[in-house]
Amino acid sequence: MDIIEAKRSLETLERNRIRLVNYNHLFSSYAFRESCSAELRKISKQIHGIEEQLNAQFKKTR
């Protein structure tokens, strides 16, 4: 994965994460809230993975 593609993916994932966090679940069903929580965990894991890859790549190029 090149750096530009990784940064674009990271930006998209961050926007999706922010949308999920800011979503008002007041009138949502329990199943929908659980689905959002699962998606939020998945996105957070992806963000963490991309950030680790970018950090490792920067350390290699130094």
N, C-alpha and C. Protein backbone atom coordinates (compact mmCIF):
# COMPACT_ATOMS: atom_id res chain seq x y z
N MET A 1 0.85 -1.17 0.00
CA MET A 1 0.00 0.00 0.00
C MET A 1 0.90 1.23 0.00
N ASP A 2 0.68 2.13 -0.95
CA ASP A 2 1.51 3.32 -0.97
C ASP A 2 0.97 4.37 0.01
N ILE A 3 1.77 5.36 0.28
CA ILE A 3 1.48 6.34 1.32
C ILE A 3 0.23 7.17 0.98
N ILE A 4 0.09 7.56 -0.25
CA ILE A 4 -1.06 8.39 -0.65
C ILE A 4 -2.36 7.61 -0.47
N GLU A 5 -2.37 6.38 -0.91
CA GLU A 5 -3.56 5.54 -0.77
C GLU A 5 -3.88 5.31 0.72
N ALA A 6 -2.85 5.09 1.51
CA ALA A 6 -3.06 4.86 2.94
C ALA A 6 -3.63 6.10 3.62
N LYS A 7 -3.14 7.26 3.27
CA LYS A 7 -3.65 8.50 3.87
C LYS A 7 -5.10 8.76 3.46
N ARG A 8 -5.43 8.47 2.21
CA ARG A 8 -6.82 8.64 1.77
C ARG A 8 -7.75 7.69 2.53
N SER A 9 -7.32 6.45 2.66
CA SER A 9 -8.11 5.47 3.40
C SER A 9 -8.27 5.89 4.85
N LEU A 10 -7.20 6.40 5.42
CA LEU A 10 -7.23 6.85 6.80
C LEU A 10 -8.22 8.00 6.99
N GLU A 11 -8.22 8.95 6.06
CA GLU A 11 -9.16 10.07 6.12
C GLU A 11 -10.61 9.59 6.03
N THR A 12 -10.87 8.68 5.11
CA THR A 12 -12.22 8.15 4.93
C THR A 12 -12.67 7.40 6.17
N LEU A 13 -11.81 6.58 6.72
CA LEU A 13 -12.15 5.82 7.92
C LEU A 13 -12.39 6.75 9.11
N GLU A 14 -11.59 7.79 9.23
CA GLU A 14 -11.79 8.76 10.32
C GLU A 14 -13.15 9.45 10.19
N ARG A 15 -13.51 9.84 8.97
CA ARG A 15 -14.83 10.48 8.76
C ARG A 15 -15.95 9.53 9.13
N ASN A 16 -15.83 8.27 8.72
CA ASN A 16 -16.86 7.28 9.06
C ASN A 16 -16.94 7.05 10.56
N ARG A 17 -15.78 7.01 11.22
CA ARG A 17 -15.75 6.83 12.67
C ARG A 17 -16.44 7.99 13.38
N ILE A 18 -16.16 9.20 12.93
CA ILE A 18 -16.75 10.39 13.54
C ILE A 18 -18.27 10.38 13.35
N ARG A 19 -18.72 9.98 12.16
CA ARG A 19 -20.17 9.90 11.92
C ARG A 19 -20.84 8.91 12.86
N LEU A 20 -20.22 7.76 13.04
CA LEU A 20 -20.79 6.74 13.94
C LEU A 20 -20.80 7.21 15.39
N VAL A 21 -19.75 7.89 15.80
CA VAL A 21 -19.67 8.36 17.18
C VAL A 21 -20.72 9.44 17.43
N ASN A 22 -20.91 10.32 16.46
CA ASN A 22 -21.83 11.44 16.63
C ASN A 22 -23.29 11.10 16.34
N TYR A 23 -23.55 9.91 15.84
CA TYR A 23 -24.92 9.52 15.52
C TYR A 23 -25.76 9.42 16.79
N ASN A 24 -26.97 9.96 16.75
CA ASN A 24 -27.87 9.93 17.90
C ASN A 24 -28.63 8.60 17.89
N HIS A 25 -28.30 7.73 18.85
CA HIS A 25 -28.92 6.41 18.92
C HIS A 25 -30.13 6.39 19.85
N LEU A 26 -30.68 7.54 20.15
CA LEU A 26 -31.76 7.64 21.12
C LEU A 26 -32.97 6.78 20.76
N PHE A 27 -33.38 6.81 19.51
CA PHE A 27 -34.56 6.06 19.09
C PHE A 27 -34.21 4.82 18.26
N SER A 28 -32.96 4.40 18.34
CA SER A 28 -32.52 3.23 17.59
C SER A 28 -32.76 1.95 18.39
N SER A 29 -32.91 0.87 17.64
CA SER A 29 -33.10 -0.42 18.30
C SER A 29 -31.77 -0.90 18.88
N TYR A 30 -31.86 -1.85 19.78
CA TYR A 30 -30.67 -2.42 20.41
C TYR A 30 -29.77 -3.07 19.36
N ALA A 31 -30.39 -3.79 18.43
CA ALA A 31 -29.62 -4.48 17.38
C ALA A 31 -28.84 -3.47 16.53
N PHE A 32 -29.47 -2.34 16.22
CA PHE A 32 -28.80 -1.33 15.41
C PHE A 32 -27.64 -0.71 16.19
N ARG A 33 -27.84 -0.45 17.47
CA ARG A 33 -26.77 0.10 18.29
C ARG A 33 -25.59 -0.87 18.38
N GLU A 34 -25.89 -2.15 18.53
CA GLU A 34 -24.84 -3.16 18.59
C GLU A 34 -24.10 -3.25 17.25
N SER A 35 -24.86 -3.12 16.16
CA SER A 35 -24.25 -3.14 14.83
C SER A 35 -23.31 -1.95 14.66
N CYS A 36 -23.74 -0.79 15.13
CA CYS A 36 -22.89 0.41 15.05
C CYS A 36 -21.64 0.25 15.91
N SER A 37 -21.79 -0.33 17.08
CA SER A 37 -20.64 -0.55 17.95
C SER A 37 -19.65 -1.51 17.31
N ALA A 38 -20.15 -2.55 16.68
CA ALA A 38 -19.28 -3.51 16.00
C ALA A 38 -18.55 -2.83 14.84
N GLU A 39 -19.26 -2.02 14.09
CA GLU A 39 -18.66 -1.31 12.96
C GLU A 39 -17.61 -0.32 13.47
N LEU A 40 -17.89 0.33 14.58
CA LEU A 40 -16.95 1.28 15.17
C LEU A 40 -15.66 0.57 15.60
N ARG A 41 -15.79 -0.60 16.21
CA ARG A 41 -14.60 -1.38 16.60
C ARG A 41 -13.81 -1.80 15.36
N LYS A 42 -14.51 -2.22 14.31
CA LYS A 42 -13.86 -2.65 13.08
C LYS A 42 -13.08 -1.48 12.45
N ILE A 43 -13.71 -0.32 12.39
CA ILE A 43 -13.07 0.86 11.81
C ILE A 43 -11.86 1.27 12.64
N SER A 44 -12.01 1.25 13.96
CA SER A 44 -10.89 1.62 14.83
C SER A 44 -9.70 0.68 14.64
N LYS A 45 -10.00 -0.61 14.48
CA LYS A 45 -8.94 -1.59 14.25
C LYS A 45 -8.25 -1.33 12.90
N GLN A 46 -9.02 -0.99 11.88
CA GLN A 46 -8.44 -0.68 10.57
C GLN A 46 -7.57 0.56 10.64
N ILE A 47 -8.04 1.60 11.33
CA ILE A 47 -7.27 2.83 11.48
C ILE A 47 -5.95 2.53 12.18
N HIS A 48 -6.02 1.76 13.24
CA HIS A 48 -4.81 1.41 13.99
C HIS A 48 -3.82 0.65 13.10
N GLY A 49 -4.32 -0.28 12.29
CA GLY A 49 -3.46 -1.05 11.40
C GLY A 49 -2.78 -0.19 10.36
N ILE A 50 -3.53 0.73 9.78
CA ILE A 50 -2.95 1.62 8.76
C ILE A 50 -1.91 2.53 9.39
N GLU A 51 -2.21 3.06 10.57
CA GLU A 51 -1.25 3.93 11.24
C GLU A 51 0.03 3.19 11.59
N GLU A 52 -0.09 1.95 12.02
CA GLU A 52 1.10 1.14 12.31
C GLU A 52 1.93 0.91 11.06
N GLN A 53 1.26 0.61 9.94
CA GLN A 53 1.98 0.39 8.69
C GLN A 53 2.70 1.66 8.24
N LEU A 54 2.03 2.80 8.37
CA LEU A 54 2.66 4.07 7.99
C LEU A 54 3.87 4.36 8.88
N ASN A 55 3.73 4.14 10.18
CA ASN A 55 4.85 4.38 11.09
C ASN A 55 6.02 3.45 10.78
N ALA A 56 5.74 2.20 10.49
CA ALA A 56 6.79 1.25 10.15
C ALA A 56 7.47 1.64 8.84
N GLN A 57 6.68 2.12 7.90
CA GLN A 57 7.24 2.52 6.61
C GLN A 57 8.13 3.75 6.77
N PHE A 58 7.71 4.70 7.61
CA PHE A 58 8.54 5.88 7.85
C PHE A 58 9.84 5.52 8.55
N LYS A 59 9.79 4.57 9.46
CA LYS A 59 11.01 4.15 10.16
C LYS A 59 11.99 3.47 9.21
N LYS A 60 11.46 2.73 8.23
CA LYS A 60 12.33 2.04 7.26
C LYS A 60 13.04 3.03 6.36
N THR A 61 12.36 4.11 5.98
CA THR A 61 12.93 5.06 5.01
C THR A 61 13.92 6.01 5.64
N ARG A 62 13.98 6.06 6.94
CA ARG A 62 14.94 6.97 7.59
C ARG A 62 16.32 6.46 7.54
